[in-house]
Amino acid sequence: MDNWIIFSGFIGIVLVGIMGFLLGATKRVPMTSFSELCLAARFQSWSFANLTGILASFISMLMIAIFASGHGHMNSTGNATGLAMFLTLLFAFYKFGYHSILQMSRESAWRIHYTLGIATLVIGLAHTVLVFQQLGVSVVFASMTSVFGLVSLGLMFMGVIPAKFVIYDHFKVLHFLSFIGLLFTIYHMIDTAIRHKSLLSIFTAGANCIVLLGYIGQRIYVSVASSWFQAVVQKWEVISEKQQKYIFLYLSIPGFRFKPGQWTRLSVPSLSTVSHPFTLIPTDKHDANVAIFIKVTGKFTKKLAASDGRNLSLSLQGPYGLPSLPSLPSCELVLFVVGGTGVTPALSLLPSVAACGQKTSLFWCLRSEVLLQHALPFLQANLDDLSCITVKGHAETVGGVSVTEWLEKMEKHHSSEGLRRGTIFVCGPASMAQEVRMAMKVSKGSMKWCLHVEQFQFLPMQPKIGRTSRTRKAEVASKHEEV
């Protein structure tokens, strides 16, 4: 019974990929009501398409686990674990991967990877309990295959659970244990396939091996490619302002190309064993072609600020991320609503959108005059009279005008010009994104808005220790500040 169910599950994955590609392709043409309903971020940056895919995956895994064959639930839960692991691996790729076929951002893919990883652990734990129950402790520990399966589960738990309790650097090191556990699991699958010689076990092991080899190959490529992009520091500036520090990096990296809105992983081996994500800013100043603006808030950026940048060995991995905004046919107007260093993606996106002939306006609230001085030259040529920028202590108001009031003003103005479709790009505190959502909900104008929120919630909420969470919540953090 479970054979045809699990085969149907794998076929369903392919069909979901085709549907995702077709839905994602609608970004290149005006959004329909159906595609917008599916792709728009709604719940904690999850879209209905994300939630539907996850729900379908959970139902498939549950059905495989419940509908046991002649070998009982011990084997059916093992098959369900194999499918769950396969799905988890599909969403682990950094560059081209299954998320690319689905036209999904790397950030969304990581959230799905994490969710499916938890499902893998839960089903794997149920499988382990049934193995001990049916075979007994002595039989389990007498079998190398069973021992490898048990070790793999333990390593995976050790590589995931600390996400809630440790800083980013430590988590990335511990998460490597999950990969080691994965290798033990692959051995367990291959040995099971050889012993059982069933089409299902062979297919499950083979599918996981193919995805694993693809993942390893991509990681090797990324590591090798990063050695090609050694950065030469053209300008290194650390400025203190009101008990806050900012780092402004201008790097020369021959051959390194990226699209507006993309990000990189900055590797500084002498300061950290892991690389850290930051937004890429194109520049032609100071003989550099890449700029990175960083707010000093965590352990890594504090070390970076205290060092002599010109003597550091720096390299960039990537670039990563899909373009954050729809192409020209999709909308007539793009509004940027940003807070603090959340402006960094707009530094490349706004000029790019303006160059395509779309109307743009900016709403930016920040606390730092230093940041304003460094960022304004990237924006000034494309700012219109309706843009609002102010240095204040509250993200809710800009120049005495709230986000809601500003959006109402923009809608009224552009509706009178005959515009009917626009995009609002938000990168700032969660309260700012929420206010934009509320403004869109109560809007009575004729404009049709598409909302894009960048909050970079790759991992679950982490502790404030060291402030190295990759989650942007009360403050604008992550790729632009500290990760």
Protein backbone atom coordinates (compact mmCIF):
# COMPACT_ATOMS: atom_id res chain seq x y z
CA MET A 1 0.00 0.00 0.00
CA ASP A 2 2.73 2.45 0.96
CA ASN A 3 4.64 1.80 -2.32
CA TRP A 4 2.17 3.59 -4.54
CA ILE A 5 1.63 6.29 -1.93
CA ILE A 6 5.31 7.20 -1.68
CA PHE A 7 5.72 7.07 -5.48
CA SER A 8 2.72 9.37 -5.74
CA GLY A 9 4.42 11.64 -3.22
CA PHE A 10 7.58 11.90 -5.32
CA ILE A 11 5.54 12.52 -8.49
CA GLY A 12 3.56 15.14 -6.58
CA ILE A 13 6.80 16.94 -5.76
CA VAL A 14 7.57 17.23 -9.48
CA LEU A 15 4.05 18.50 -10.21
CA VAL A 16 4.31 21.07 -7.42
CA GLY A 17 7.59 22.21 -8.97
CA ILE A 18 5.95 22.66 -12.38
CA MET A 19 3.06 24.58 -10.82
CA GLY A 20 5.50 26.72 -8.83
CA PHE A 21 7.43 27.54 -12.00
CA LEU A 22 4.24 28.55 -13.81
CA LEU A 23 3.06 30.66 -10.88
CA GLY A 24 6.49 32.20 -10.48
CA ALA A 25 6.55 33.06 -14.16
CA THR A 26 3.59 35.34 -13.54
CA LYS A 27 6.04 37.77 -11.92
CA ARG A 28 7.12 38.66 -15.45
CA VAL A 29 3.61 39.68 -16.47
CA PRO A 30 0.88 41.61 -14.64
CA MET A 31 -0.16 39.71 -11.53
CA THR A 32 -3.54 37.98 -11.69
CA SER A 33 -5.75 37.76 -8.62
CA PHE A 34 -5.03 34.03 -8.34
CA SER A 35 -1.24 34.30 -8.66
CA GLU A 36 -1.16 37.23 -6.25
CA LEU A 37 -3.23 35.24 -3.75
CA CYS A 38 -0.75 32.36 -4.01
CA LEU A 39 2.54 34.28 -4.00
CA ALA A 40 1.94 37.27 -1.71
CA ALA A 41 3.62 36.98 1.71
CA ARG A 42 0.99 36.94 4.43
CA PHE A 43 1.74 34.98 7.60
CA GLN A 44 5.22 35.69 9.02
CA SER A 45 6.43 36.14 5.41
CA TRP A 46 4.86 32.81 4.38
CA SER A 47 2.71 32.82 1.24
CA PHE A 48 -0.28 30.55 0.57
CA ALA A 49 1.91 28.72 -1.95
CA ASN A 50 4.53 28.06 0.77
CA LEU A 51 1.91 26.93 3.27
CA THR A 52 0.11 24.73 0.75
CA GLY A 53 3.35 23.04 -0.29
CA ILE A 54 4.31 22.37 3.34
CA LEU A 55 0.82 21.05 4.13
CA ALA A 56 0.90 18.73 1.09
CA SER A 57 4.34 17.47 2.17
CA PHE A 58 3.12 16.78 5.71
CA ILE A 59 0.05 14.92 4.44
CA SER A 60 2.21 12.78 2.13
CA MET A 61 4.62 11.92 4.95
CA LEU A 62 1.77 11.17 7.34
CA MET A 63 0.02 8.89 4.85
CA ILE A 64 3.24 7.01 4.13
CA ALA A 65 3.85 6.55 7.86
CA ILE A 66 0.28 5.43 8.63
CA PHE A 67 -0.44 3.08 5.72
CA ALA A 68 1.89 0.23 6.59
CA SER A 69 2.77 -2.61 4.22
CA GLY A 70 3.37 -6.20 5.25
CA HIS A 71 6.50 -5.09 7.12
CA GLY A 72 4.47 -2.96 9.54
CA HIS A 73 4.79 0.64 10.70
CA MET A 74 8.48 0.24 11.48
CA ASN A 75 9.27 0.22 7.77
CA SER A 76 6.54 2.69 6.77
CA THR A 77 7.87 5.33 9.20
CA GLY A 78 11.35 4.65 7.81
CA ASN A 79 10.05 5.33 4.29
CA ALA A 80 8.32 8.50 5.51
CA THR A 81 11.60 9.64 7.10
CA GLY A 82 13.36 9.03 3.78
CA LEU A 83 10.84 11.20 1.92
CA ALA A 84 11.06 13.92 4.60
CA MET A 85 14.85 13.96 4.35
CA PHE A 86 14.67 14.14 0.57
CA LEU A 87 12.38 17.18 0.79
CA THR A 88 14.59 18.83 3.41
CA LEU A 89 17.65 18.42 1.18
CA LEU A 90 15.80 19.85 -1.83
CA PHE A 91 15.48 23.20 -0.04
CA ALA A 92 19.06 23.29 1.33
CA PHE A 93 20.79 24.52 -1.83
CA TYR A 94 22.41 27.96 -1.76
CA LYS A 95 22.35 28.83 -5.44
CA PHE A 96 20.35 26.99 -8.11
CA GLY A 97 18.07 24.39 -6.56
CA TYR A 98 14.46 23.32 -6.24
CA HIS A 99 13.59 26.76 -4.84
CA SER A 100 14.81 28.27 -8.12
CA ILE A 101 12.35 26.12 -10.08
CA LEU A 102 9.60 27.27 -7.72
CA GLN A 103 10.68 30.91 -8.30
CA MET A 104 11.15 31.13 -4.51
CA SER A 105 13.60 33.35 -2.66
CA ARG A 106 16.51 31.77 -0.82
CA GLU A 107 15.11 33.17 2.45
CA SER A 108 11.74 31.44 1.97
CA ALA A 109 13.50 28.21 1.01
CA TRP A 110 15.47 28.23 4.26
CA ARG A 111 12.30 28.58 6.30
CA ILE A 112 10.84 25.57 4.48
CA HIS A 113 14.13 23.69 4.91
CA TYR A 114 13.97 24.28 8.66
CA THR A 115 10.30 23.26 8.91
CA LEU A 116 10.80 20.08 6.90
CA GLY A 117 13.94 19.33 8.93
CA ILE A 118 11.89 19.38 12.13
CA ALA A 119 9.35 17.04 10.48
CA THR A 120 12.21 14.70 9.53
CA LEU A 121 13.39 14.57 13.14
CA VAL A 122 9.89 13.92 14.51
CA ILE A 123 9.16 11.08 12.06
CA GLY A 124 12.69 9.73 12.49
CA LEU A 125 12.17 9.67 16.25
CA ALA A 126 8.89 7.76 15.82
CA HIS A 127 10.70 5.30 13.53
CA THR A 128 13.44 4.81 16.15
CA VAL A 129 10.90 4.13 18.91
CA LEU A 130 9.15 1.50 16.76
CA VAL A 131 12.49 -0.14 15.89
CA PHE A 132 13.37 -0.51 19.58
CA GLN A 133 9.85 -1.69 20.37
CA GLN A 134 9.72 -4.39 17.68
CA LEU A 135 13.37 -5.54 17.57
CA GLY A 136 14.55 -4.95 21.11
CA VAL A 137 17.63 -3.14 22.44
CA SER A 138 20.04 -6.07 21.98
CA VAL A 139 19.12 -6.58 18.32
CA VAL A 140 19.36 -2.85 17.56
CA PHE A 141 22.86 -2.47 18.98
CA ALA A 142 23.99 -5.70 17.33
CA SER A 143 23.24 -4.26 13.89
CA MET A 144 25.66 -1.71 12.40
CA THR A 145 22.88 -0.33 10.19
CA SER A 146 20.62 0.30 13.17
CA VAL A 147 23.47 1.87 15.16
CA PHE A 148 24.25 4.19 12.25
CA GLY A 149 20.60 5.20 12.06
CA LEU A 150 20.54 5.92 15.79
CA VAL A 151 23.76 7.96 15.62
CA SER A 152 22.42 9.94 12.65
CA LEU A 153 19.26 10.90 14.55
CA GLY A 154 21.29 12.04 17.56
CA LEU A 155 23.64 14.15 15.43
CA MET A 156 20.72 15.78 13.62
CA PHE A 157 19.05 16.73 16.89
CA MET A 158 22.35 18.20 18.13
CA GLY A 159 22.65 20.20 14.92
CA VAL A 160 19.15 21.72 15.04
CA ILE A 161 17.93 22.17 18.62
CA PRO A 162 20.67 24.73 19.61
CA ALA A 163 19.22 27.21 17.06
CA LYS A 164 17.08 28.61 19.87
CA PHE A 165 19.88 28.97 22.38
CA VAL A 166 23.19 29.91 20.74
CA ILE A 167 24.53 32.77 18.65
CA TYR A 168 24.79 32.54 14.88
CA ASP A 169 28.49 31.57 14.68
CA HIS A 170 28.07 28.72 17.16
CA PHE A 171 24.88 27.48 15.52
CA LYS A 172 26.50 27.29 12.07
CA VAL A 173 29.30 25.14 13.50
CA LEU A 174 26.87 22.89 15.40
CA HIS A 175 24.58 22.63 12.38
CA PHE A 176 27.40 20.83 10.57
CA LEU A 177 26.61 17.89 12.86
CA SER A 178 23.31 17.54 10.98
CA PHE A 179 25.25 17.04 7.77
CA ILE A 180 27.41 14.35 9.42
CA GLY A 181 24.20 12.73 10.66
CA LEU A 182 22.86 12.88 7.12
CA LEU A 183 25.82 10.84 5.88
CA PHE A 184 25.12 8.18 8.51
CA THR A 185 21.48 8.14 7.40
CA ILE A 186 22.44 7.70 3.74
CA TYR A 187 24.52 4.68 4.74
CA HIS A 188 21.51 3.36 6.68
CA MET A 189 19.27 3.83 3.60
CA ILE A 190 21.73 2.20 1.19
CA ASP A 191 22.26 -0.81 3.46
CA THR A 192 18.49 -1.19 3.93
CA ALA A 193 17.96 -1.02 0.16
CA ILE A 194 20.61 -3.72 -0.41
CA ARG A 195 19.10 -6.01 2.23
CA HIS A 196 15.43 -5.55 1.33
CA LYS A 197 15.98 -5.27 -2.44
CA SER A 198 12.61 -3.58 -2.77
CA LEU A 199 11.95 -1.01 -5.46
CA LEU A 200 10.73 1.45 -2.86
CA SER A 201 13.84 1.28 -0.63
CA ILE A 202 16.13 1.47 -3.67
CA PHE A 203 14.24 4.44 -5.07
CA THR A 204 14.26 6.31 -1.74
CA ALA A 205 17.97 5.73 -1.17
CA GLY A 206 18.80 6.65 -4.77
CA ALA A 207 16.79 9.89 -4.70
CA ASN A 208 18.47 11.00 -1.49
CA CYS A 209 21.93 10.12 -2.81
CA ILE A 210 21.38 12.12 -6.01
CA VAL A 211 20.25 15.22 -4.10
CA LEU A 212 23.09 14.84 -1.59
CA LEU A 213 25.70 14.62 -4.36
CA GLY A 214 24.22 17.71 -5.97
CA TYR A 215 24.36 19.59 -2.66
CA ILE A 216 27.95 18.55 -1.96
CA GLY A 217 28.96 19.51 -5.50
CA GLN A 218 27.41 22.93 -5.12
CA ARG A 219 29.09 23.56 -1.77
CA ILE A 220 32.45 22.59 -3.27
CA TYR A 221 31.81 24.97 -6.17
CA VAL A 222 30.86 27.81 -3.79
CA SER A 223 34.00 27.25 -1.70
CA VAL A 224 36.26 27.16 -4.75
CA ALA A 225 34.53 30.12 -6.40
CA SER A 226 34.95 32.24 -3.25
CA SER A 227 38.72 31.92 -3.64
CA TRP A 228 38.32 33.62 -7.02
CA PHE A 229 36.66 36.61 -5.38
CA GLN A 230 39.35 37.77 -2.96
CA ALA A 231 38.50 41.32 -1.98
CA VAL A 232 40.93 44.22 -2.04
CA VAL A 233 39.91 46.86 0.51
CA GLN A 234 39.92 50.24 -1.21
CA LYS A 235 38.36 52.10 1.70
CA TRP A 236 37.69 50.97 5.27
CA GLU A 237 35.84 53.38 7.51
CA VAL A 238 34.58 52.78 11.04
CA ILE A 239 32.55 55.67 12.47
CA SER A 240 31.16 55.98 16.00
CA GLU A 241 27.98 57.95 16.53
CA LYS A 242 25.77 58.18 19.62
CA GLN A 243 27.12 54.98 21.19
CA GLN A 244 26.71 53.19 17.86
CA LYS A 245 29.29 52.17 15.26
CA TYR A 246 29.03 51.70 11.53
CA ILE A 247 31.45 50.04 9.13
CA PHE A 248 31.60 51.24 5.54
CA LEU A 249 33.48 48.86 3.25
CA TYR A 250 34.47 49.65 -0.32
CA LEU A 251 35.93 46.59 -2.01
CA SER A 252 37.52 45.90 -5.36
CA ILE A 253 36.70 42.38 -6.59
CA PRO A 254 37.48 41.83 -10.27
CA GLY A 255 34.92 39.64 -12.04
CA PHE A 256 32.38 39.69 -9.21
CA ARG A 257 28.94 40.49 -10.64
CA PHE A 258 25.55 40.65 -8.99
CA LYS A 259 22.00 41.89 -9.51
CA PRO A 260 20.34 44.71 -7.54
CA GLY A 261 18.98 43.44 -4.22
CA GLN A 262 21.24 40.39 -4.01
CA TRP A 263 23.43 39.58 -1.03
CA THR A 264 26.71 37.90 -0.25
CA ARG A 265 28.40 35.93 2.50
CA LEU A 266 31.45 37.78 3.77
CA SER A 267 34.24 35.45 4.82
CA VAL A 268 36.95 36.68 7.20
CA PRO A 269 38.78 33.53 8.40
CA SER A 270 40.89 35.39 10.96
CA LEU A 271 37.76 36.65 12.76
CA SER A 272 35.20 33.87 12.29
CA THR A 273 35.06 30.28 11.10
CA VAL A 274 31.76 30.97 9.31
CA SER A 275 30.82 33.53 6.68
CA HIS A 276 28.20 36.20 7.33
CA PRO A 277 25.48 37.54 5.01
CA PHE A 278 25.29 41.21 4.01
CA THR A 279 23.58 43.16 1.24
CA LEU A 280 25.64 44.01 -1.84
CA ILE A 281 25.76 47.60 -3.04
CA PRO A 282 27.20 48.42 -6.48
CA THR A 283 29.58 51.39 -6.51
CA ASP A 284 32.21 53.07 -8.63
CA LYS A 285 33.66 55.17 -5.80
CA HIS A 286 37.16 54.82 -4.35
CA ASP A 287 38.17 52.46 -7.21
CA ALA A 288 35.77 49.85 -5.79
CA ASN A 289 32.95 47.88 -7.42
CA VAL A 290 31.28 46.56 -4.24
CA ALA A 291 30.20 48.41 -1.10
CA ILE A 292 28.92 46.89 2.16
CA PHE A 293 27.38 49.01 4.93
CA ILE A 294 27.29 47.34 8.35
CA LYS A 295 25.83 48.38 11.69
CA VAL A 296 28.00 47.05 14.51
CA THR A 297 25.77 45.08 16.88
CA GLY A 298 27.14 41.57 17.40
CA LYS A 299 30.28 39.59 18.10
CA PHE A 300 31.46 39.30 14.50
CA THR A 301 30.90 42.93 13.54
CA LYS A 302 32.51 44.13 16.77
CA LYS A 303 35.62 42.14 15.90
CA LEU A 304 35.44 43.53 12.37
CA ALA A 305 35.19 47.10 13.64
CA ALA A 306 38.13 46.63 16.02
CA SER A 307 40.43 45.23 13.33
CA ASP A 308 42.56 46.91 10.71
CA GLY A 309 40.55 46.19 7.60
CA ARG A 310 43.40 46.71 5.17
CA ASN A 311 45.33 43.84 6.75
CA LEU A 312 42.45 41.37 6.71
CA SER A 313 41.98 38.60 4.16
CA LEU A 314 38.41 39.01 2.86
CA SER A 315 36.45 37.03 0.29
CA LEU A 316 32.84 36.99 -0.89
CA GLN A 317 30.61 33.99 -1.54
CA GLY A 318 27.66 34.28 -3.85
CA PRO A 319 25.88 36.35 -4.91
CA TYR A 320 22.63 34.92 -3.57
CA GLY A 321 18.95 35.77 -3.76
CA LEU A 322 16.45 36.38 -6.53
CA PRO A 323 15.64 39.93 -7.66
CA SER A 324 13.30 41.29 -5.01
CA LEU A 325 10.94 43.21 -7.27
CA PRO A 326 8.74 42.33 -10.25
CA SER A 327 9.82 43.29 -13.75
CA LEU A 328 8.58 46.38 -15.55
CA PRO A 329 5.33 44.97 -17.03
CA SER A 330 4.09 43.99 -13.56
CA CYS A 331 3.69 47.44 -12.04
CA GLU A 332 3.88 51.14 -12.81
CA LEU A 333 5.10 52.39 -9.44
CA VAL A 334 7.44 51.12 -6.71
CA LEU A 335 7.39 52.62 -3.21
CA PHE A 336 10.29 51.88 -0.86
CA VAL A 337 9.44 51.95 2.86
CA VAL A 338 12.62 51.32 4.86
CA GLY A 339 14.01 51.84 8.33
CA GLY A 340 17.65 52.29 9.39
CA THR A 341 20.10 50.07 7.55
CA GLY A 342 17.11 48.41 5.92
CA VAL A 343 17.84 50.97 3.22
CA THR A 344 20.78 48.93 1.89
CA PRO A 345 18.81 46.82 -0.63
CA ALA A 346 17.09 50.01 -1.81
CA LEU A 347 20.48 51.57 -2.58
CA SER A 348 20.72 49.28 -5.61
CA LEU A 349 17.05 48.48 -6.25
CA LEU A 350 15.75 52.04 -6.41
CA PRO A 351 18.19 53.24 -9.12
CA SER A 352 17.61 49.99 -11.02
CA VAL A 353 13.82 50.39 -10.97
CA ALA A 354 14.08 54.06 -11.94
CA ALA A 355 16.34 53.15 -14.87
CA CYS A 356 13.57 50.86 -16.19
CA GLY A 357 11.19 53.80 -16.37
CA GLN A 358 9.07 52.99 -13.33
CA LYS A 359 8.10 55.73 -10.91
CA THR A 360 9.74 55.46 -7.48
CA SER A 361 9.42 57.15 -4.10
CA LEU A 362 11.21 56.54 -0.81
CA PHE A 363 10.04 56.64 2.80
CA TRP A 364 13.09 56.25 5.05
CA CYS A 365 13.33 56.72 8.79
CA LEU A 366 16.71 56.43 10.48
CA ARG A 367 18.62 57.45 13.57
CA SER A 368 22.07 57.95 12.09
CA GLU A 369 23.26 61.03 10.24
CA VAL A 370 26.44 59.13 9.35
CA LEU A 371 24.43 56.45 7.57
CA LEU A 372 22.44 59.13 5.78
CA GLN A 373 25.63 60.84 4.52
CA HIS A 374 27.00 57.58 3.10
CA ALA A 375 23.72 56.31 1.62
CA LEU A 376 22.26 59.51 0.16
CA PRO A 377 24.66 59.70 -2.84
CA PHE A 378 23.30 56.34 -4.04
CA LEU A 379 19.71 57.63 -3.90
CA GLN A 380 19.81 61.35 -4.58
CA ALA A 381 19.58 61.21 -8.38
CA ASN A 382 16.35 59.19 -8.20
CA LEU A 383 14.47 60.84 -5.32
CA ASP A 384 11.30 62.71 -6.19
CA ASP A 385 9.55 65.51 -4.30
CA LEU A 386 7.21 63.01 -2.63
CA SER A 387 10.02 61.06 -0.95
CA CYS A 388 10.37 61.46 2.83
CA ILE A 389 13.67 61.03 4.69
CA THR A 390 14.29 62.05 8.26
CA VAL A 391 16.67 61.31 11.11
CA LYS A 392 14.49 60.57 14.12
CA GLY A 393 14.14 58.25 17.05
CA HIS A 394 10.82 56.75 16.02
CA ALA A 395 10.28 54.54 13.02
CA GLU A 396 6.54 55.21 12.99
CA THR A 397 6.73 58.82 11.87
CA VAL A 398 8.75 60.62 9.27
CA GLY A 399 8.73 64.39 9.30
CA GLY A 400 5.48 64.34 11.26
CA VAL A 401 3.82 62.09 8.66
CA SER A 402 3.03 58.48 9.56
CA VAL A 403 3.60 55.61 7.17
CA THR A 404 -0.16 55.29 6.74
CA GLU A 405 -0.61 58.98 5.93
CA TRP A 406 2.30 58.92 3.49
CA LEU A 407 0.89 55.90 1.66
CA GLU A 408 -2.52 57.54 1.45
CA LYS A 409 -0.89 60.64 -0.02
CA MET A 410 1.03 58.53 -2.54
CA GLU A 411 -2.07 56.60 -3.59
CA LYS A 412 -4.11 59.76 -4.06
CA HIS A 413 -1.36 61.46 -6.06
CA HIS A 414 -0.57 58.57 -8.38
CA SER A 415 -4.23 57.59 -8.88
CA SER A 416 -4.84 61.11 -10.18
CA GLU A 417 -2.07 60.44 -12.73
CA GLY A 418 -3.89 57.36 -13.99
CA LEU A 419 -1.68 54.74 -12.32
CA ARG A 420 -3.47 51.59 -11.21
CA ARG A 421 -0.83 49.06 -10.12
CA GLY A 422 2.15 49.41 -7.80
CA THR A 423 4.54 47.56 -5.50
CA ILE A 424 5.47 48.47 -1.94
CA PHE A 425 8.91 47.24 -0.88
CA VAL A 426 9.35 47.17 2.91
CA CYS A 427 12.62 46.56 4.73
CA GLY A 428 12.54 47.68 8.33
CA PRO A 429 11.17 46.92 11.79
CA ALA A 430 8.27 44.49 12.08
CA SER A 431 6.11 47.37 13.32
CA MET A 432 6.77 49.25 10.09
CA ALA A 433 5.79 46.25 7.95
CA GLN A 434 2.65 45.77 10.01
CA GLU A 435 1.66 49.41 9.59
CA VAL A 436 2.05 49.10 5.83
CA ARG A 437 -0.16 46.00 5.83
CA MET A 438 -2.83 47.81 7.84
CA ALA A 439 -2.66 50.81 5.50
CA MET A 440 -3.18 48.55 2.50
CA LYS A 441 -6.10 46.83 4.20
CA VAL A 442 -8.00 50.05 4.92
CA SER A 443 -7.09 51.67 1.60
CA LYS A 444 -10.11 52.92 -0.33
CA GLY A 445 -8.22 54.10 -3.39
CA SER A 446 -8.16 52.61 -6.86
CA MET A 447 -4.51 51.47 -6.73
CA LYS A 448 -3.79 47.73 -6.79
CA TRP A 449 -0.80 47.08 -4.51
CA CYS A 450 1.62 44.18 -4.32
CA LEU A 451 3.54 44.00 -1.02
CA HIS A 452 7.10 42.71 -0.74
CA VAL A 453 8.55 42.52 2.79
CA GLU A 454 12.23 41.76 3.39
CA GLN A 455 12.81 40.59 6.97
CA PHE A 456 15.32 37.82 6.29
CA GLN A 457 13.91 35.35 8.80
CA PHE A 458 16.13 32.45 7.79
CA LEU A 459 16.18 30.83 11.22
CA PRO A 460 13.90 30.72 14.27
CA MET A 461 14.17 33.53 16.82
CA GLN A 462 17.48 33.32 18.65
CA PRO A 463 18.55 34.83 21.96
CA LYS A 464 19.75 38.41 22.26
CA ILE A 465 23.17 37.26 23.45
CA GLY A 466 25.69 38.85 21.13
CA ARG A 467 22.74 40.11 19.01
CA THR A 468 23.73 37.87 16.12
CA SER A 469 20.30 36.62 15.22
CA ARG A 470 19.48 36.47 11.55
CA THR A 471 15.94 37.45 12.39
CA ARG A 472 14.91 41.04 11.78
CA LYS A 473 12.38 41.92 14.46
CA ALA A 474 12.33 44.99 16.69
CA GLU A 475 15.36 46.42 14.93
CA VAL A 476 16.56 46.31 11.36
CA ALA A 477 19.11 43.53 11.57
CA SER A 478 20.49 40.67 9.51
CA LYS A 479 22.27 41.15 6.23
CA HIS A 480 22.54 44.87 6.80
CA GLU A 481 23.67 44.91 10.39
CA GLU A 482 24.75 41.76 12.20
CA VAL A 483 24.42 38.13 11.48
